[in-house]
């Protein structure tokens, strides 16, 4: 009985953490990302358009988060919100990806380290204005 209780508790905790992360991503999407991704403004892949998101999803989570957070094509860095944390940005991007045919999980601590290192490399390559 104790074993079943532990397994059930773990399941419930995992579900709560997943829903909390999902809700955070949805909230950030609705307050920031929706401005471009709902309409496809400036070539942004439209929310829930599996065809538009498929090639992006294939690039991989670490690569896409790095590039998008740094700014890609007409998208400004951090979605145009300088105060947006990498974690909040990642949750919003994952919310969009998973709503558009993907199946990404929240980045692991090791993936966040890779992303931060890649962002530093990209930032150092930018030419001064």
N, C-alpha and C. Protein backbone atom coordinates (compact mmCIF):
# COMPACT_ATOMS: atom_id res chain seq x y z
N UNK A 1 0.82 -1.19 0.00
CA UNK A 1 0.00 0.00 0.00
C UNK A 1 0.87 1.26 0.00
N UNK A 2 1.92 1.27 0.77
CA UNK A 2 2.82 2.42 0.83
C UNK A 2 3.43 2.68 -0.55
N UNK A 3 3.82 1.60 -1.22
CA UNK A 3 4.43 1.73 -2.54
C UNK A 3 3.43 2.37 -3.52
N UNK A 4 2.19 1.95 -3.48
CA UNK A 4 1.17 2.50 -4.36
C UNK A 4 0.93 3.98 -4.05
N UNK A 5 0.95 4.32 -2.79
CA UNK A 5 0.76 5.72 -2.39
C UNK A 5 1.90 6.58 -2.90
N UNK A 6 3.12 6.08 -2.80
CA UNK A 6 4.29 6.82 -3.28
C UNK A 6 4.22 7.00 -4.79
N UNK A 7 3.88 5.93 -5.50
CA UNK A 7 3.78 6.01 -6.97
C UNK A 7 2.68 7.00 -7.36
N UNK A 8 1.53 6.92 -6.71
CA UNK A 8 0.44 7.83 -7.01
C UNK A 8 0.84 9.28 -6.72
N UNK A 9 1.50 9.49 -5.60
CA UNK A 9 1.94 10.85 -5.22
C UNK A 9 2.92 11.40 -6.25
N UNK A 10 3.83 10.56 -6.71
CA UNK A 10 4.79 10.98 -7.72
C UNK A 10 4.06 11.36 -9.01
N UNK A 11 3.08 10.55 -9.41
CA UNK A 11 2.30 10.83 -10.60
C UNK A 11 1.58 12.17 -10.48
N UNK A 12 0.93 12.41 -9.36
CA UNK A 12 0.20 13.66 -9.15
C UNK A 12 1.15 14.85 -9.15
N UNK A 13 2.28 14.73 -8.48
CA UNK A 13 3.26 15.81 -8.44
C UNK A 13 3.79 16.12 -9.85
N UNK A 14 4.08 15.09 -10.62
CA UNK A 14 4.55 15.27 -12.00
C UNK A 14 3.50 15.99 -12.83
N UNK A 15 2.25 15.60 -12.67
CA UNK A 15 1.16 16.23 -13.40
C UNK A 15 1.02 17.70 -13.02
N UNK A 16 1.09 18.00 -11.73
CA UNK A 16 0.96 19.38 -11.26
C UNK A 16 2.09 20.24 -11.80
N UNK A 17 3.31 19.72 -11.77
CA UNK A 17 4.46 20.47 -12.29
C UNK A 17 4.29 20.72 -13.79
N UNK A 18 3.83 19.71 -14.52
CA UNK A 18 3.63 19.87 -15.96
C UNK A 18 2.57 20.91 -16.25
N UNK A 19 1.47 20.87 -15.52
CA UNK A 19 0.39 21.83 -15.75
C UNK A 19 0.82 23.24 -15.38
N UNK A 20 1.61 23.38 -14.33
CA UNK A 20 2.09 24.70 -13.93
C UNK A 20 2.99 25.27 -15.01
N UNK A 21 3.88 24.46 -15.53
CA UNK A 21 4.77 24.91 -16.60
C UNK A 21 3.96 25.27 -17.84
N UNK A 22 2.98 24.44 -18.18
CA UNK A 22 2.14 24.68 -19.33
C UNK A 22 1.39 25.99 -19.17
N UNK A 23 0.84 26.21 -17.98
CA UNK A 23 0.09 27.44 -17.72
C UNK A 23 0.99 28.65 -17.84
N UNK A 24 2.24 28.56 -17.35
CA UNK A 24 3.18 29.66 -17.45
C UNK A 24 3.50 29.98 -18.90
N UNK A 25 3.70 28.95 -19.71
CA UNK A 25 3.98 29.16 -21.12
C UNK A 25 2.81 29.77 -21.85
N UNK A 26 1.62 29.32 -21.52
CA UNK A 26 0.41 29.86 -22.15
C UNK A 26 0.23 31.33 -21.78
N UNK A 27 0.46 31.65 -20.52
CA UNK A 27 0.32 33.02 -20.05
C UNK A 27 1.29 33.96 -20.76
N UNK A 28 2.54 33.54 -20.87
CA UNK A 28 3.54 34.35 -21.56
C UNK A 28 3.19 34.48 -23.04
N UNK A 29 2.75 33.38 -23.65
CA UNK A 29 2.33 33.44 -25.05
C UNK A 29 1.22 34.48 -25.23
N UNK A 30 0.21 34.42 -24.36
CA UNK A 30 -0.94 35.32 -24.49
C UNK A 30 -0.59 36.78 -24.21
N UNK A 31 0.42 37.02 -23.40
CA UNK A 31 0.77 38.41 -23.08
C UNK A 31 1.84 39.00 -24.00
N UNK A 32 2.61 38.14 -24.68
CA UNK A 32 3.71 38.67 -25.50
C UNK A 32 3.68 38.10 -26.93
N UNK A 33 3.76 36.81 -27.04
CA UNK A 33 3.99 36.15 -28.33
C UNK A 33 2.81 36.23 -29.29
N UNK A 34 1.62 36.29 -28.73
CA UNK A 34 0.41 36.29 -29.53
C UNK A 34 0.38 37.43 -30.54
N UNK A 35 1.03 38.54 -30.21
CA UNK A 35 1.03 39.72 -31.07
C UNK A 35 1.50 39.38 -32.49
N UNK A 36 2.47 38.50 -32.61
CA UNK A 36 2.98 38.13 -33.93
C UNK A 36 2.57 36.72 -34.35
N UNK A 37 2.55 35.79 -33.40
CA UNK A 37 2.32 34.39 -33.76
C UNK A 37 0.86 34.03 -34.00
N UNK A 38 -0.07 34.88 -33.61
CA UNK A 38 -1.48 34.61 -33.92
C UNK A 38 -1.78 34.90 -35.39
N UNK A 39 -1.15 35.95 -35.91
CA UNK A 39 -1.43 36.38 -37.28
C UNK A 39 -0.35 36.00 -38.28
N UNK A 40 0.82 35.64 -37.78
CA UNK A 40 1.94 35.35 -38.67
C UNK A 40 2.67 36.62 -39.11
N UNK A 41 2.54 37.66 -38.29
CA UNK A 41 3.18 38.95 -38.60
C UNK A 41 4.68 38.78 -38.83
N UNK A 42 5.18 39.46 -39.85
CA UNK A 42 6.62 39.44 -40.18
C UNK A 42 7.16 38.03 -40.41
N UNK A 43 6.31 37.12 -40.86
CA UNK A 43 6.74 35.76 -41.17
C UNK A 43 6.82 34.84 -39.97
N UNK A 44 6.31 35.27 -38.83
CA UNK A 44 6.31 34.40 -37.64
C UNK A 44 5.45 33.17 -37.91
N UNK A 45 5.90 31.98 -37.51
CA UNK A 45 5.05 30.81 -37.70
C UNK A 45 3.79 30.95 -36.86
N UNK A 46 2.65 30.74 -37.49
CA UNK A 46 1.38 30.91 -36.78
C UNK A 46 1.18 29.83 -35.73
N UNK A 47 0.62 30.25 -34.63
CA UNK A 47 0.27 29.35 -33.53
C UNK A 47 -0.67 28.26 -34.05
N UNK A 48 -0.38 27.03 -33.70
CA UNK A 48 -1.14 25.83 -34.05
C UNK A 48 -1.11 25.50 -35.54
N UNK A 49 -0.14 26.04 -36.26
CA UNK A 49 0.04 25.69 -37.67
C UNK A 49 1.15 24.64 -37.74
N UNK A 50 0.74 23.39 -37.70
CA UNK A 50 1.71 22.29 -37.66
C UNK A 50 2.67 22.32 -38.84
N UNK A 51 2.18 22.67 -40.01
CA UNK A 51 3.02 22.71 -41.21
C UNK A 51 4.13 23.76 -41.08
N UNK A 52 3.78 24.93 -40.57
CA UNK A 52 4.78 26.00 -40.40
C UNK A 52 5.80 25.67 -39.32
N UNK A 53 5.36 24.98 -38.28
CA UNK A 53 6.25 24.68 -37.16
C UNK A 53 7.10 23.43 -37.39
N UNK A 54 6.69 22.53 -38.27
CA UNK A 54 7.40 21.25 -38.46
C UNK A 54 8.90 21.41 -38.71
N UNK A 55 9.33 22.26 -39.66
CA UNK A 55 10.78 22.38 -39.88
C UNK A 55 11.51 23.01 -38.69
N UNK A 56 10.83 23.86 -37.97
CA UNK A 56 11.43 24.49 -36.78
C UNK A 56 11.62 23.44 -35.70
N UNK A 57 10.61 22.64 -35.48
CA UNK A 57 10.67 21.59 -34.46
C UNK A 57 11.82 20.63 -34.76
N UNK A 58 12.03 20.32 -36.04
CA UNK A 58 13.11 19.39 -36.44
C UNK A 58 14.50 19.92 -36.09
N UNK A 59 14.63 21.25 -35.96
CA UNK A 59 15.93 21.84 -35.64
C UNK A 59 16.38 21.51 -34.21
N UNK A 60 15.43 21.15 -33.35
CA UNK A 60 15.77 20.75 -31.99
C UNK A 60 15.56 21.86 -30.97
N UNK A 61 15.20 21.43 -29.79
CA UNK A 61 14.83 22.35 -28.71
C UNK A 61 15.95 23.32 -28.34
N UNK A 62 17.14 22.82 -28.10
CA UNK A 62 18.26 23.68 -27.66
C UNK A 62 18.57 24.72 -28.74
N UNK A 63 18.64 24.29 -29.98
CA UNK A 63 18.96 25.21 -31.07
C UNK A 63 17.88 26.28 -31.24
N UNK A 64 16.63 25.85 -31.25
CA UNK A 64 15.53 26.80 -31.49
C UNK A 64 15.40 27.80 -30.34
N UNK A 65 15.48 27.33 -29.11
CA UNK A 65 15.40 28.25 -27.98
C UNK A 65 16.55 29.25 -28.04
N UNK A 66 17.75 28.78 -28.32
CA UNK A 66 18.92 29.66 -28.41
C UNK A 66 18.71 30.75 -29.46
N UNK A 67 18.38 30.32 -30.67
CA UNK A 67 18.24 31.25 -31.78
C UNK A 67 17.11 32.26 -31.54
N UNK A 68 15.96 31.75 -31.10
CA UNK A 68 14.80 32.63 -30.90
C UNK A 68 15.04 33.61 -29.77
N UNK A 69 15.63 33.14 -28.68
CA UNK A 69 15.89 34.02 -27.53
C UNK A 69 16.86 35.13 -27.93
N UNK A 70 17.79 34.79 -28.79
CA UNK A 70 18.78 35.75 -29.26
C UNK A 70 18.21 36.68 -30.33
N UNK A 71 17.11 36.29 -30.95
CA UNK A 71 16.52 37.05 -32.04
C UNK A 71 16.83 36.38 -33.36
N UNK A 72 15.80 36.11 -34.13
CA UNK A 72 16.00 35.39 -35.38
C UNK A 72 15.09 36.00 -36.45
N UNK A 73 15.64 36.15 -37.65
CA UNK A 73 14.94 36.82 -38.75
C UNK A 73 14.38 38.16 -38.26
N UNK A 74 13.07 38.38 -38.37
CA UNK A 74 12.51 39.68 -37.95
C UNK A 74 12.09 39.68 -36.48
N UNK A 75 12.28 38.57 -35.79
CA UNK A 75 11.90 38.50 -34.37
C UNK A 75 13.01 39.11 -33.52
N UNK A 76 12.67 40.08 -32.70
CA UNK A 76 13.70 40.66 -31.83
C UNK A 76 14.08 39.70 -30.70
N UNK A 77 15.23 39.92 -30.14
CA UNK A 77 15.68 39.10 -29.00
C UNK A 77 14.62 39.13 -27.91
N UNK A 78 14.42 37.99 -27.27
CA UNK A 78 13.48 37.84 -26.16
C UNK A 78 12.06 38.24 -26.54
N UNK A 79 11.73 38.12 -27.83
CA UNK A 79 10.40 38.48 -28.28
C UNK A 79 10.10 39.96 -28.12
N UNK A 80 11.16 40.76 -28.01
CA UNK A 80 10.98 42.19 -27.84
C UNK A 80 10.78 42.64 -26.40
N UNK A 81 10.92 41.71 -25.47
CA UNK A 81 10.76 42.04 -24.04
C UNK A 81 12.09 41.83 -23.33
N UNK A 82 12.88 42.88 -23.15
CA UNK A 82 14.19 42.75 -22.54
C UNK A 82 14.18 42.11 -21.14
N UNK A 83 13.05 42.21 -20.43
CA UNK A 83 12.97 41.67 -19.08
C UNK A 83 12.53 40.20 -19.03
N UNK A 84 12.28 39.59 -20.19
CA UNK A 84 11.80 38.21 -20.23
C UNK A 84 12.94 37.25 -19.91
N UNK A 85 12.74 36.41 -18.91
CA UNK A 85 13.78 35.45 -18.53
C UNK A 85 13.85 34.32 -19.54
N UNK A 86 14.98 33.68 -19.58
CA UNK A 86 15.17 32.53 -20.47
C UNK A 86 14.15 31.44 -20.14
N UNK A 87 13.89 31.23 -18.87
CA UNK A 87 12.94 30.18 -18.46
C UNK A 87 11.53 30.50 -18.94
N UNK A 88 11.08 31.74 -18.75
CA UNK A 88 9.74 32.13 -19.21
C UNK A 88 9.64 32.07 -20.73
N UNK A 89 10.68 32.53 -21.39
CA UNK A 89 10.71 32.48 -22.84
C UNK A 89 10.62 31.03 -23.33
N UNK A 90 11.41 30.16 -22.70
CA UNK A 90 11.42 28.74 -23.09
C UNK A 90 10.05 28.11 -22.91
N UNK A 91 9.40 28.40 -21.79
CA UNK A 91 8.07 27.83 -21.54
C UNK A 91 7.07 28.29 -22.60
N UNK A 92 7.14 29.56 -23.00
CA UNK A 92 6.23 30.06 -24.03
C UNK A 92 6.51 29.40 -25.37
N UNK A 93 7.77 29.27 -25.70
CA UNK A 93 8.14 28.63 -26.96
C UNK A 93 7.70 27.17 -26.97
N UNK A 94 7.91 26.49 -25.87
CA UNK A 94 7.50 25.08 -25.77
C UNK A 94 5.98 24.96 -25.84
N UNK A 95 5.27 25.90 -25.26
CA UNK A 95 3.81 25.92 -25.36
C UNK A 95 3.40 26.03 -26.83
N UNK A 96 4.03 26.93 -27.57
CA UNK A 96 3.71 27.10 -28.99
C UNK A 96 4.07 25.85 -29.79
N UNK A 97 5.25 25.30 -29.54
CA UNK A 97 5.69 24.10 -30.25
C UNK A 97 4.74 22.94 -29.98
N UNK A 98 4.40 22.71 -28.72
CA UNK A 98 3.54 21.58 -28.38
C UNK A 98 2.10 21.78 -28.84
N UNK A 99 1.70 23.01 -29.06
CA UNK A 99 0.37 23.29 -29.60
C UNK A 99 0.37 23.23 -31.13
N UNK A 100 1.55 23.01 -31.69
CA UNK A 100 1.70 23.03 -33.15
C UNK A 100 2.38 21.77 -33.66
N UNK A 101 2.12 20.66 -32.99
CA UNK A 101 2.62 19.37 -33.47
C UNK A 101 3.85 18.82 -32.80
N UNK A 102 4.45 19.58 -31.90
CA UNK A 102 5.66 19.12 -31.22
C UNK A 102 5.37 18.40 -29.93
N UNK A 103 6.40 17.86 -29.35
CA UNK A 103 6.29 17.16 -28.08
C UNK A 103 7.56 17.40 -27.27
N UNK A 104 7.80 18.66 -26.95
CA UNK A 104 8.99 19.03 -26.20
C UNK A 104 8.68 19.12 -24.72
N UNK A 105 9.67 18.77 -23.93
CA UNK A 105 9.56 18.93 -22.48
C UNK A 105 10.36 20.17 -22.08
N UNK A 106 10.16 20.59 -20.86
CA UNK A 106 10.93 21.72 -20.32
C UNK A 106 12.41 21.36 -20.39
N UNK A 107 13.27 22.31 -20.75
CA UNK A 107 14.70 22.00 -20.81
C UNK A 107 15.24 21.52 -19.46
N UNK A 108 16.13 20.57 -19.53
CA UNK A 108 16.82 20.10 -18.33
C UNK A 108 17.85 21.15 -17.93
N UNK A 109 18.42 21.00 -16.76
CA UNK A 109 19.45 21.94 -16.32
C UNK A 109 20.63 21.90 -17.29
N UNK A 110 20.99 20.72 -17.77
CA UNK A 110 22.10 20.59 -18.74
C UNK A 110 21.76 21.30 -20.05
N UNK A 111 20.51 21.19 -20.49
CA UNK A 111 20.10 21.89 -21.71
C UNK A 111 20.13 23.40 -21.51
N UNK A 112 19.71 23.87 -20.33
CA UNK A 112 19.79 25.31 -20.06
C UNK A 112 21.25 25.79 -20.08
N UNK A 113 22.17 24.98 -19.60
CA UNK A 113 23.59 25.34 -19.65
C UNK A 113 24.03 25.47 -21.11
N UNK A 114 23.65 24.50 -21.94
CA UNK A 114 23.98 24.56 -23.37
C UNK A 114 23.39 25.81 -24.02
N UNK A 115 22.13 26.07 -23.72
CA UNK A 115 21.46 27.23 -24.31
C UNK A 115 22.17 28.52 -23.91
N UNK A 116 22.47 28.67 -22.63
CA UNK A 116 23.15 29.89 -22.16
C UNK A 116 24.53 30.05 -22.81
N UNK A 117 25.26 28.95 -22.93
CA UNK A 117 26.57 29.01 -23.59
C UNK A 117 26.43 29.40 -25.06
N UNK A 118 25.43 28.84 -25.73
CA UNK A 118 25.19 29.17 -27.14
C UNK A 118 24.78 30.64 -27.30
N UNK A 119 23.97 31.13 -26.38
CA UNK A 119 23.55 32.54 -26.43
C UNK A 119 24.76 33.45 -26.27
N UNK A 120 25.66 33.11 -25.35
CA UNK A 120 26.88 33.90 -25.17
C UNK A 120 27.72 33.93 -26.44
N UNK A 121 27.84 32.78 -27.11
CA UNK A 121 28.60 32.72 -28.36
C UNK A 121 27.95 33.59 -29.43
N UNK A 122 26.63 33.52 -29.55
CA UNK A 122 25.92 34.33 -30.55
C UNK A 122 26.07 35.81 -30.24
N UNK A 123 25.96 36.16 -28.98
CA UNK A 123 26.07 37.56 -28.57
C UNK A 123 27.44 38.12 -28.86
N UNK A 124 28.47 37.31 -28.69
CA UNK A 124 29.83 37.78 -28.95
C UNK A 124 30.10 37.95 -30.44
N UNK A 125 29.32 37.30 -31.28
CA UNK A 125 29.49 37.41 -32.74
C UNK A 125 28.76 38.63 -33.31
N UNK A 126 27.83 39.19 -32.54
CA UNK A 126 27.10 40.35 -33.03
C UNK A 126 28.02 41.53 -33.20
N UNK A 127 27.79 42.23 -34.27
CA UNK A 127 28.61 43.43 -34.55
C UNK A 127 28.07 44.60 -33.75
N UNK A 128 28.94 45.41 -33.21
CA UNK A 128 28.48 46.60 -32.48
C UNK A 128 27.72 47.53 -33.42
N UNK A 129 26.72 48.21 -32.86
CA UNK A 129 25.90 49.13 -33.68
C UNK A 129 26.64 50.39 -34.02
